PDB file of all heavy atoms in Angstrom:
ATOM      1  N   GLU A   1      57.451 -44.242-110.124  1.00  0.00           N
ATOM      2  CA  GLU A   1      57.924 -45.053-109.003  1.00  0.00           C
ATOM      3  C   GLU A   1      59.396 -44.755-108.762  1.00  0.00           C
ATOM      4  O   GLU A   1      60.182 -44.592-109.688  1.00  0.00           O
ATOM      5  CB  GLU A   1      57.747 -46.533-109.355  1.00  0.00           C
ATOM      6  CG  GLU A   1      58.116 -47.483-108.277  1.00  0.00           C
ATOM      7  CD  GLU A   1      57.937 -48.925-108.709  1.00  0.00           C
ATOM      8  OE1 GLU A   1      57.529 -49.177-109.853  1.00  0.00           O
ATOM      9  OE2 GLU A   1      58.225 -49.799-107.891  1.00  0.00           O
ATOM     10  N   SER A   2      59.762 -44.666-107.494  1.00  0.00           N
ATOM     11  CA  SER A   2      61.157 -44.461-107.112  1.00  0.00           C
ATOM     12  C   SER A   2      61.766 -45.811-106.738  1.00  0.00           C
ATOM     13  O   SER A   2      61.220 -46.530-105.897  1.00  0.00           O
ATOM     14  CB  SER A   2      61.219 -43.506-105.920  1.00  0.00           C
ATOM     15  OG  SER A   2      62.538 -43.329-105.512  1.00  0.00           O
ATOM     16  N   LEU A   3      62.885 -46.148-107.371  1.00  0.00           N
ATOM     17  CA  LEU A   3      63.560 -47.415-107.110  1.00  0.00           C
ATOM     18  C   LEU A   3      64.863 -47.136-106.360  1.00  0.00           C
ATOM     19  O   LEU A   3      65.153 -45.991-106.019  1.00  0.00           O
ATOM     20  CB  LEU A   3      63.829 -48.135-108.437  1.00  0.00           C
ATOM     21  CG  LEU A   3      62.594 -48.383-109.304  1.00  0.00           C
ATOM     22  CD1 LEU A   3      63.005 -48.898-110.660  1.00  0.00           C
ATOM     23  CD2 LEU A   3      61.648 -49.346-108.632  1.00  0.00           C
ATOM     24  N   THR A   4      65.664 -48.139-106.122  1.00  0.00           N
ATOM     25  CA  THR A   4      66.911 -47.955-105.378  1.00  0.00           C
ATOM     26  C   THR A   4      68.008 -47.347-106.246  1.00  0.00           C
ATOM     27  O   THR A   4      67.939 -47.377-107.477  1.00  0.00           O
ATOM     28  CB  THR A   4      67.407 -49.310-104.834  1.00  0.00           C
ATOM     29  OG1 THR A   4      67.615 -50.177-105.940  1.00  0.00           O
ATOM     30  CG2 THR A   4      66.405 -49.915-103.886  1.00  0.00           C
ATOM     31  N   ASN A   5      69.007 -46.788-105.605  1.00  0.00           N
ATOM     32  CA  ASN A   5      70.224 -46.263-106.245  1.00  0.00           C
ATOM     33  C   ASN A   5      69.955 -45.195-107.296  1.00  0.00           C
ATOM     34  O   ASN A   5      70.610 -45.154-108.338  1.00  0.00           O
ATOM     35  CB  ASN A   5      71.042 -47.396-106.874  1.00  0.00           C
ATOM     36  CG  ASN A   5      71.548 -48.366-105.847  1.00  0.00           C
ATOM     37  OD1 ASN A   5      71.816 -47.983-104.713  1.00  0.00           O
ATOM     38  ND2 ASN A   5      71.666 -49.619-106.220  1.00  0.00           N
ATOM     39  N   GLY A   6      69.025 -44.311-107.039  1.00  0.00           N
ATOM     40  CA  GLY A   6      68.770 -43.209-107.968  1.00  0.00           C
ATOM     41  C   GLY A   6      68.116 -43.628-109.270  1.00  0.00           C
ATOM     42  O   GLY A   6      68.234 -42.931-110.268  1.00  0.00           O
ATOM     43  N   MET A   7      67.420 -44.748-109.247  1.00  0.00           N
ATOM     44  CA  MET A   7      66.705 -45.220-110.432  1.00  0.00           C
ATOM     45  C   MET A   7      65.219 -44.937-110.257  1.00  0.00           C
ATOM     46  O   MET A   7      64.702 -44.941-109.147  1.00  0.00           O
ATOM     47  CB  MET A   7      66.914 -46.721-110.625  1.00  0.00           C
ATOM     48  CG  MET A   7      68.356 -47.139-110.740  1.00  0.00           C
ATOM     49  SD  MET A   7      69.098 -46.661-112.280  1.00  0.00           S
ATOM     50  CE  MET A   7      68.581 -47.978-113.300  1.00  0.00           C
ATOM     51  N   PHE A   8      64.556 -44.693-111.389  1.00  0.00           N
ATOM     52  CA  PHE A   8      63.139 -44.355-111.374  1.00  0.00           C
ATOM     53  C   PHE A   8      62.430 -45.039-112.525  1.00  0.00           C
ATOM     54  O   PHE A   8      63.025 -45.279-113.561  1.00  0.00           O
ATOM     55  CB  PHE A   8      62.939 -42.835-111.526  1.00  0.00           C
ATOM     56  CG  PHE A   8      63.555 -42.042-110.424  1.00  0.00           C
ATOM     57  CD1 PHE A   8      64.851 -41.571-110.528  1.00  0.00           C
ATOM     58  CD2 PHE A   8      62.845 -41.775-109.276  1.00  0.00           C
ATOM     59  CE1 PHE A   8      65.426 -40.840-109.516  1.00  0.00           C
ATOM     60  CE2 PHE A   8      63.405 -41.037-108.252  1.00  0.00           C
ATOM     61  CZ  PHE A   8      64.702 -40.575-108.372  1.00  0.00           C
ATOM     62  N   ARG A   9      61.147 -45.351-112.322  1.00  0.00           N
ATOM     63  CA  ARG A   9      60.311 -45.827-113.408  1.00  0.00           C
ATOM     64  C   ARG A   9      59.573 -44.610-113.938  1.00  0.00           C
ATOM     65  O   ARG A   9      58.942 -43.876-113.181  1.00  0.00           O
ATOM     66  CB  ARG A   9      59.337 -46.885-112.915  1.00  0.00           C
ATOM     67  CG  ARG A   9      58.659 -47.549-114.057  1.00  0.00           C
ATOM     68  CD  ARG A   9      58.222 -48.964-113.810  1.00  0.00           C
ATOM     69  NE  ARG A   9      58.978 -49.830-112.936  1.00  0.00           N
ATOM     70  CZ  ARG A   9      60.021 -50.573-113.311  1.00  0.00           C
ATOM     71  NH1 ARG A   9      60.458 -50.526-114.541  1.00  0.00           N
ATOM     72  NH2 ARG A   9      60.626 -51.364-112.466  1.00  0.00           N
ATOM     73  N   ILE A  10      59.683 -44.365-115.248  1.00  0.00           N
ATOM     74  CA  ILE A  10      59.153 -43.156-115.870  1.00  0.00           C
ATOM     75  C   ILE A  10      58.164 -43.527-116.965  1.00  0.00           C
ATOM     76  O   ILE A  10      58.465 -44.368-117.812  1.00  0.00           O
ATOM     77  CB  ILE A  10      60.299 -42.313-116.482  1.00  0.00           C
ATOM     78  CG1 ILE A  10      61.337 -41.988-115.416  1.00  0.00           C
ATOM     79  CG2 ILE A  10      59.761 -41.058-117.131  1.00  0.00           C
ATOM     80  CD1 ILE A  10      62.606 -41.401-115.971  1.00  0.00           C
ATOM     81  N   ARG A  11      56.978 -42.894-116.928  1.00  0.00           N
ATOM     82  CA  ARG A  11      56.000 -43.062-118.001  1.00  0.00           C
ATOM     83  C   ARG A  11      56.131 -41.853-118.909  1.00  0.00           C
ATOM     84  O   ARG A  11      55.881 -40.731-118.504  1.00  0.00           O
ATOM     85  CB  ARG A  11      54.581 -43.151-117.467  1.00  0.00           C
ATOM     86  CG  ARG A  11      53.575 -43.293-118.606  1.00  0.00           C
ATOM     87  CD  ARG A  11      52.223 -43.744-118.154  1.00  0.00           C
ATOM     88  NE  ARG A  11      52.211 -44.978-117.373  1.00  0.00           N
ATOM     89  CZ  ARG A  11      52.268 -46.207-117.887  1.00  0.00           C
ATOM     90  NH1 ARG A  11      52.369 -46.369-119.188  1.00  0.00           N
ATOM     91  NH2 ARG A  11      52.226 -47.264-117.115  1.00  0.00           N
ATOM     92  N   LEU A  12      56.565 -42.110-120.148  1.00  0.00           N
ATOM     93  CA  LEU A  12      56.745 -41.037-121.120  1.00  0.00           C
ATOM     94  C   LEU A  12      55.403 -40.552-121.638  1.00  0.00           C
ATOM     95  O   LEU A  12      54.382 -41.217-121.463  1.00  0.00           O
ATOM     96  CB  LEU A  12      57.615 -41.522-122.281  1.00  0.00           C
ATOM     97  CG  LEU A  12      59.025 -41.981-121.923  1.00  0.00           C
ATOM     98  CD1 LEU A  12      59.725 -42.495-123.160  1.00  0.00           C
ATOM     99  CD2 LEU A  12      59.818 -40.867-121.286  1.00  0.00           C
ATOM    100  N   ASP A  13      55.398 -39.385-122.279  1.00  0.00           N
ATOM    101  CA  ASP A  13      54.168 -38.833-122.844  1.00  0.00           C
ATOM    102  C   ASP A  13      53.615 -39.711-123.961  1.00  0.00           C
ATOM    103  O   ASP A  13      52.446 -39.615-124.308  1.00  0.00           O
ATOM    104  CB  ASP A  13      54.408 -37.415-123.358  1.00  0.00           C
ATOM    105  CG  ASP A  13      54.619 -36.441-122.213  1.00  0.00           C
ATOM    106  OD1 ASP A  13      54.283 -36.782-121.063  1.00  0.00           O
ATOM    107  OD2 ASP A  13      55.128 -35.335-122.470  1.00  0.00           O
ATOM    108  N   THR A  14      54.454 -40.577-124.516  1.00  0.00           N
ATOM    109  CA  THR A  14      54.017 -41.506-125.561  1.00  0.00           C
ATOM    110  C   THR A  14      53.465 -42.804-124.973  1.00  0.00           C
ATOM    111  O   THR A  14      53.280 -43.780-125.681  1.00  0.00           O
ATOM    112  CB  THR A  14      55.191 -41.838-126.492  1.00  0.00           C
ATOM    113  OG1 THR A  14      56.243 -42.422-125.715  1.00  0.00           O
ATOM    114  CG2 THR A  14      55.691 -40.607-127.203  1.00  0.00           C
ATOM    115  N   ASP A  15      53.240 -42.830-123.641  1.00  0.00           N
ATOM    116  CA  ASP A  15      52.733 -43.983-122.882  1.00  0.00           C
ATOM    117  C   ASP A  15      53.700 -45.161-122.827  1.00  0.00           C
ATOM    118  O   ASP A  15      53.300 -46.276-122.504  1.00  0.00           O
ATOM    119  CB  ASP A  15      51.376 -44.456-123.401  1.00  0.00           C
ATOM    120  CG  ASP A  15      50.267 -43.514-122.975  1.00  0.00           C
ATOM    121  OD1 ASP A  15      50.438 -42.815-121.961  1.00  0.00           O
ATOM    122  OD2 ASP A  15      49.239 -43.489-123.662  1.00  0.00           O
ATOM    123  N   ASP A  16      54.977 -44.943-123.120  1.00  0.00           N
ATOM    124  CA  ASP A  16      55.993 -45.975-122.931  1.00  0.00           C
ATOM    125  C   ASP A  16      56.501 -45.911-121.499  1.00  0.00           C
ATOM    126  O   ASP A  16      56.586 -44.841-120.908  1.00  0.00           O
ATOM    127  CB  ASP A  16      57.166 -45.766-123.890  1.00  0.00           C
ATOM    128  CG  ASP A  16      56.770 -46.005-125.331  1.00  0.00           C
ATOM    129  OD1 ASP A  16      55.899 -46.842-125.569  1.00  0.00           O
ATOM    130  OD2 ASP A  16      57.341 -45.341-126.206  1.00  0.00           O
ATOM    131  N   LEU A  17      56.847 -47.052-120.930  1.00  0.00           N
ATOM    132  CA  LEU A  17      57.371 -47.128-119.573  1.00  0.00           C
ATOM    133  C   LEU A  17      58.851 -47.479-119.670  1.00  0.00           C
ATOM    134  O   LEU A  17      59.214 -48.501-120.260  1.00  0.00           O
ATOM    135  CB  LEU A  17      56.606 -48.201-118.802  1.00  0.00           C
ATOM    136  CG  LEU A  17      56.668 -48.153-117.300  1.00  0.00           C
ATOM    137  CD1 LEU A  17      56.105 -46.848-116.783  1.00  0.00           C
ATOM    138  CD2 LEU A  17      55.903 -49.308-116.715  1.00  0.00           C
ATOM    139  N   ILE A  18      59.726 -46.621-119.102  1.00  0.00           N
ATOM    140  CA  ILE A  18      61.171 -46.868-119.164  1.00  0.00           C
ATOM    141  C   ILE A  18      61.774 -46.784-117.775  1.00  0.00           C
ATOM    142  O   ILE A  18      61.138 -46.327-116.830  1.00  0.00           O
ATOM    143  CB  ILE A  18      61.889 -45.857-120.100  1.00  0.00           C
ATOM    144  CG1 ILE A  18      61.773 -44.435-119.554  1.00  0.00           C
ATOM    145  CG2 ILE A  18      61.373 -45.947-121.507  1.00  0.00           C
ATOM    146  CD1 ILE A  18      62.710 -43.475-120.224  1.00  0.00           C
ATOM    147  N   LEU A  19      63.011 -47.222-117.673  1.00  0.00           N
ATOM    148  CA  LEU A  19      63.790 -47.126-116.453  1.00  0.00           C
ATOM    149  C   LEU A  19      64.721 -45.936-116.611  1.00  0.00           C
ATOM    150  O   LEU A  19      65.423 -45.824-117.618  1.00  0.00           O
ATOM    151  CB  LEU A  19      64.588 -48.418-116.277  1.00  0.00           C
ATOM    152  CG  LEU A  19      65.290 -48.624-114.965  1.00  0.00           C
ATOM    153  CD1 LEU A  19      64.268 -48.736-113.850  1.00  0.00           C
ATOM    154  CD2 LEU A  19      66.108 -49.885-115.032  1.00  0.00           C
ATOM    155  N   GLY A  20      64.723 -45.029-115.638  1.00  0.00           N
ATOM    156  CA  GLY A  20      65.551 -43.837-115.753  1.00  0.00           C
ATOM    157  C   GLY A  20      66.488 -43.691-114.574  1.00  0.00           C
ATOM    158  O   GLY A  20      66.220 -44.186-113.482  1.00  0.00           O
ATOM    159  N   TYR A  21      67.604 -42.995-114.798  1.00  0.00           N
ATOM    160  CA  TYR A  21      68.549 -42.723-113.719  1.00  0.00           C
ATOM    161  C   TYR A  21      68.896 -41.239-113.732  1.00  0.00           C
ATOM    162  O   TYR A  21      68.700 -40.547-114.717  1.00  0.00           O
ATOM    163  CB  TYR A  21      69.802 -43.591-113.862  1.00  0.00           C
ATOM    164  CG  TYR A  21      70.573 -43.399-115.143  1.00  0.00           C
ATOM    165  CD1 TYR A  21      71.646 -42.525-115.188  1.00  0.00           C
ATOM    166  CD2 TYR A  21      70.234 -44.081-116.285  1.00  0.00           C
ATOM    167  CE1 TYR A  21      72.358 -42.334-116.361  1.00  0.00           C
ATOM    168  CE2 TYR A  21      70.934 -43.906-117.458  1.00  0.00           C
ATOM    169  CZ  TYR A  21      72.001 -43.030-117.482  1.00  0.00           C
ATOM    170  OH  TYR A  21      72.691 -42.840-118.654  1.00  0.00           O
ATOM    171  N   VAL A  22      69.397 -40.752-112.625  1.00  0.00           N
ATOM    172  CA  VAL A  22      69.653 -39.326-112.444  1.00  0.00           C
ATOM    173  C   VAL A  22      70.993 -38.964-113.069  1.00  0.00           C
ATOM    174  O   VAL A  22      71.986 -39.674-112.896  1.00  0.00           O
ATOM    175  CB  VAL A  22      69.656 -38.989-110.940  1.00  0.00           C
ATOM    176  CG1 VAL A  22      69.900 -37.515-110.713  1.00  0.00           C
ATOM    177  CG2 VAL A  22      68.358 -39.402-110.299  1.00  0.00           C
ATOM    178  N   SER A  23      71.032 -37.836-113.781  1.00  0.00           N
ATOM    179  CA  SER A  23      72.289 -37.373-114.366  1.00  0.00           C
ATOM    180  C   SER A  23      73.210 -36.856-113.263  1.00  0.00           C
ATOM    181  O   SER A  23      72.769 -36.524-112.160  1.00  0.00           O
ATOM    182  CB  SER A  23      72.026 -36.266-115.389  1.00  0.00           C
ATOM    183  OG  SER A  23      71.635 -35.082-114.747  1.00  0.00           O
ATOM    184  N   GLY A  24      74.476 -36.762-113.554  1.00  0.00           N
ATOM    185  CA  GLY A  24      75.471 -36.324-112.574  1.00  0.00           C
ATOM    186  C   GLY A  24      75.256 -34.907-112.091  1.00  0.00           C
ATOM    187  O   GLY A  24      75.481 -34.593-110.928  1.00  0.00           O
ATOM    188  N   ARG A  25      74.803 -34.028-112.975  1.00  0.00           N
ATOM    189  CA  ARG A  25      74.586 -32.625-112.598  1.00  0.00           C
ATOM    190  C   ARG A  25      73.479 -32.514-111.557  1.00  0.00           C
ATOM    191  O   ARG A  25      73.601 -31.775-110.578  1.00  0.00           O
ATOM    192  CB  ARG A  25      74.223 -31.811-113.830  1.00  0.00           C
ATOM    193  CG  ARG A  25      74.005 -30.346-113.560  1.00  0.00           C
ATOM    194  CD  ARG A  25      73.722 -29.612-114.839  1.00  0.00           C
ATOM    195  NE  ARG A  25      72.549 -30.162-115.500  1.00  0.00           N
ATOM    196  CZ  ARG A  25      71.428 -29.487-115.710  1.00  0.00           C
ATOM    197  NH1 ARG A  25      71.334 -28.240-115.344  1.00  0.00           N
ATOM    198  NH2 ARG A  25      70.415 -30.043-116.311  1.00  0.00           N
ATOM    199  N   ILE A  26      72.399 -33.265-111.742  1.00  0.00           N
ATOM    200  CA  ILE A  26      71.297 -33.244-110.775  1.00  0.00           C
ATOM    201  C   ILE A  26      71.728 -33.917-109.477  1.00  0.00           C
ATOM    202  O   ILE A  26      71.400 -33.471-108.382  1.00  0.00           O
ATOM    203  CB  ILE A  26      70.044 -33.917-111.372  1.00  0.00           C
ATOM    204  CG1 ILE A  26      69.508 -33.058-112.511  1.00  0.00           C
ATOM    205  CG2 ILE A  26      68.975 -34.126-110.328  1.00  0.00           C
ATOM    206  CD1 ILE A  26      68.321 -33.628-113.231  1.00  0.00           C
ATOM    207  N   ARG A  27      72.512 -34.984-109.577  1.00  0.00           N
ATOM    208  CA  ARG A  27      72.987 -35.685-108.384  1.00  0.00           C
ATOM    209  C   ARG A  27      73.925 -34.797-107.564  1.00  0.00           C
ATOM    210  O   ARG A  27      73.840 -34.759-106.335  1.00  0.00           O
ATOM    211  CB  ARG A  27      73.714 -36.959-108.811  1.00  0.00           C
ATOM    212  CG  ARG A  27      73.982 -37.911-107.681  1.00  0.00           C
ATOM    213  CD  ARG A  27      74.698 -39.132-108.199  1.00  0.00           C
ATOM    214  NE  ARG A  27      73.890 -39.868-109.145  1.00  0.00           N
ATOM    215  CZ  ARG A  27      73.378 -41.069-108.908  1.00  0.00           C
ATOM    216  NH1 ARG A  27      73.599 -41.646-107.763  1.00  0.00           N
ATOM    217  NH2 ARG A  27      72.672 -41.680-109.810  1.00  0.00           N
ATOM    218  N   ARG A  28      74.807 -34.071-108.235  1.00  0.00           N
ATOM    219  CA  ARG A  28      75.733 -33.170-107.534  1.00  0.00           C
ATOM    220  C   ARG A  28      75.017 -32.022-106.838  1.00  0.00           C
ATOM    221  O   ARG A  28      75.465 -31.541-105.805  1.00  0.00           O
ATOM    222  CB  ARG A  28      76.750 -32.580-108.508  1.00  0.00           C
ATOM    223  CG  ARG A  28      77.939 -33.448-108.749  1.00  0.00           C
ATOM    224  CD  ARG A  28      79.047 -32.679-109.424  1.00  0.00           C
ATOM    225  NE  ARG A  28      78.590 -31.869-110.534  1.00  0.00           N
ATOM    226  CZ  ARG A  28      78.548 -32.252-111.806  1.00  0.00           C
ATOM    227  NH1 ARG A  28      78.933 -33.461-112.130  1.00  0.00           N
ATOM    228  NH2 ARG A  28      78.135 -31.440-112.745  1.00  0.00           N
ATOM    229  N   SER A  29      73.916 -31.562-107.418  1.00  0.00           N
ATOM    230  CA  SER A  29      73.172 -30.430-106.856  1.00  0.00           C
ATOM    231  C   SER A  29      72.186 -30.860-105.778  1.00  0.00           C
ATOM    232  O   SER A  29      71.484 -30.015-105.227  1.00  0.00           O
ATOM    233  CB  SER A  29      72.403 -29.723-107.969  1.00  0.00           C
ATOM    234  OG  SER A  29      73.288 -29.248-108.945  1.00  0.00           O
ATOM    235  N   PHE A  30      72.127 -32.155-105.468  1.00  0.00           N
ATOM    236  CA  PHE A  30      71.236 -32.707-104.446  1.00  0.00           C
ATOM    237  C   PHE A  30      69.774 -32.327-104.701  1.00  0.00           C
ATOM    238  O   PHE A  30      69.036 -31.992-103.782  1.00  0.00           O
ATOM    239  CB  PHE A  30      71.643 -32.248-103.046  1.00  0.00           C
ATOM    240  CG  PHE A  30      73.006 -32.717-102.650  1.00  0.00           C
ATOM    241  CD1 PHE A  30      74.060 -31.832-102.576  1.00  0.00           C
ATOM    242  CD2 PHE A  30      73.239 -34.056-102.383  1.00  0.00           C
ATOM    243  CE1 PHE A  30      75.324 -32.262-102.224  1.00  0.00           C
ATOM    244  CE2 PHE A  30      74.495 -34.489-102.028  1.00  0.00           C
ATOM    245  CZ  PHE A  30      75.546 -33.589-101.950  1.00  0.00           C
ATOM    246  N   ILE A  31      69.354 -32.362-105.955  1.00  0.00           N
ATOM    247  CA  ILE A  31      67.968 -32.068-106.304  1.00  0.00           C
ATOM    248  C   ILE A  31      67.140 -33.321-106.054  1.00  0.00           C
ATOM    249  O   ILE A  31      67.464 -34.399-106.542  1.00  0.00           O
ATOM    250  CB  ILE A  31      67.853 -31.616-107.769  1.00  0.00           C
ATOM    251  CG1 ILE A  31      68.599 -30.309-107.949  1.00  0.00           C
ATOM    252  CG2 ILE A  31      66.400 -31.483-108.185  1.00  0.00           C
ATOM    253  CD1 ILE A  31      68.678 -29.844-109.373  1.00  0.00           C
ATOM    254  N   ARG A  32      66.079 -33.167-105.278  1.00  0.00           N
ATOM    255  CA  ARG A  32      65.207 -34.302-104.975  1.00  0.00           C
ATOM    256  C   ARG A  32      64.214 -34.501-106.103  1.00  0.00           C
ATOM    257  O   ARG A  32      63.574 -33.562-106.542  1.00  0.00           O
ATOM    258  CB  ARG A  32      64.441 -34.043-103.695  1.00  0.00           C
ATOM    259  CG  ARG A  32      65.227 -34.399-102.505  1.00  0.00           C
ATOM    260  CD  ARG A  32      64.328 -34.479-101.303  1.00  0.00           C
ATOM    261  NE  ARG A  32      65.174 -34.280-100.151  1.00  0.00           N
ATOM    262  CZ  ARG A  32      64.958 -33.407 -99.211  1.00  0.00           C
ATOM    263  NH1 ARG A  32      63.898 -32.661 -99.241  1.00  0.00           N
ATOM    264  NH2 ARG A  32      65.791 -33.280 -98.218  1.00  0.00           N
ATOM    265  N   ILE A  33      64.082 -35.717-106.526  1.00  0.00           N
ATOM    266  CA  ILE A  33      63.088 -36.070-107.541  1.00  0.00           C
ATOM    267  C   ILE A  33      62.136 -37.075-106.905  1.00  0.00           C
ATOM    268  O   ILE A  33      62.560 -38.136-106.451  1.00  0.00           O
ATOM    269  CB  ILE A  33      63.760 -36.650-108.793  1.00  0.00           C
ATOM    270  CG1 ILE A  33      64.702 -35.619-109.387  1.00  0.00           C
ATOM    271  CG2 ILE A  33      62.723 -37.083-109.804  1.00  0.00           C
ATOM    272  CD1 ILE A  33      65.480 -36.098-110.557  1.00  0.00           C
ATOM    273  N   LEU A  34      60.868 -36.709-106.856  1.00  0.00           N
ATOM    274  CA  LEU A  34      59.863 -37.533-106.194  1.00  0.00           C
ATOM    275  C   LEU A  34      58.860 -38.073-107.206  1.00  0.00           C
ATOM    276  O   LEU A  34      58.699 -37.497-108.286  1.00  0.00           O
ATOM    277  CB  LEU A  34      59.122 -36.692-105.157  1.00  0.00           C
ATOM    278  CG  LEU A  34      60.004 -36.083-104.058  1.00  0.00           C
ATOM    279  CD1 LEU A  34      59.189 -35.128-103.213  1.00  0.00           C
ATOM    280  CD2 LEU A  34      60.606 -37.175-103.210  1.00  0.00           C
ATOM    281  N   PRO A  35      58.179 -39.169-106.869  1.00  0.00           N
ATOM    282  CA  PRO A  35      57.113 -39.662-107.756  1.00  0.00           C
ATOM    283  C   PRO A  35      56.063 -38.584-107.996  1.00  0.00           C
ATOM    284  O   PRO A  35      55.686 -37.855-107.083  1.00  0.00           O
ATOM    285  CB  PRO A  35      56.531 -40.847-106.986  1.00  0.00           C
ATOM    286  CG  PRO A  35      57.664 -41.313-106.136  1.00  0.00           C
ATOM    287  CD  PRO A  35      58.417 -40.076-105.754  1.00  0.00           C
ATOM    288  N   GLY A  36      55.627 -38.467-109.243  1.00  0.00           N
ATOM    289  CA  GLY A  36      54.675 -37.438-109.631  1.00  0.00           C
ATOM    290  C   GLY A  36      55.328 -36.238-110.284  1.00  0.00           C
ATOM    291  O   GLY A  36      54.636 -35.364-110.801  1.00  0.00           O
TER     292      GLY A  36
END
């Protein structure tokens, strides 16, 4: 799931659900991260 302000809900391979945010390097490079 994509949330506001560059935050994302991420399901890890261990089936844990965490809240994630984009690192500065990815943000500076304007890399799009989409659900899936």
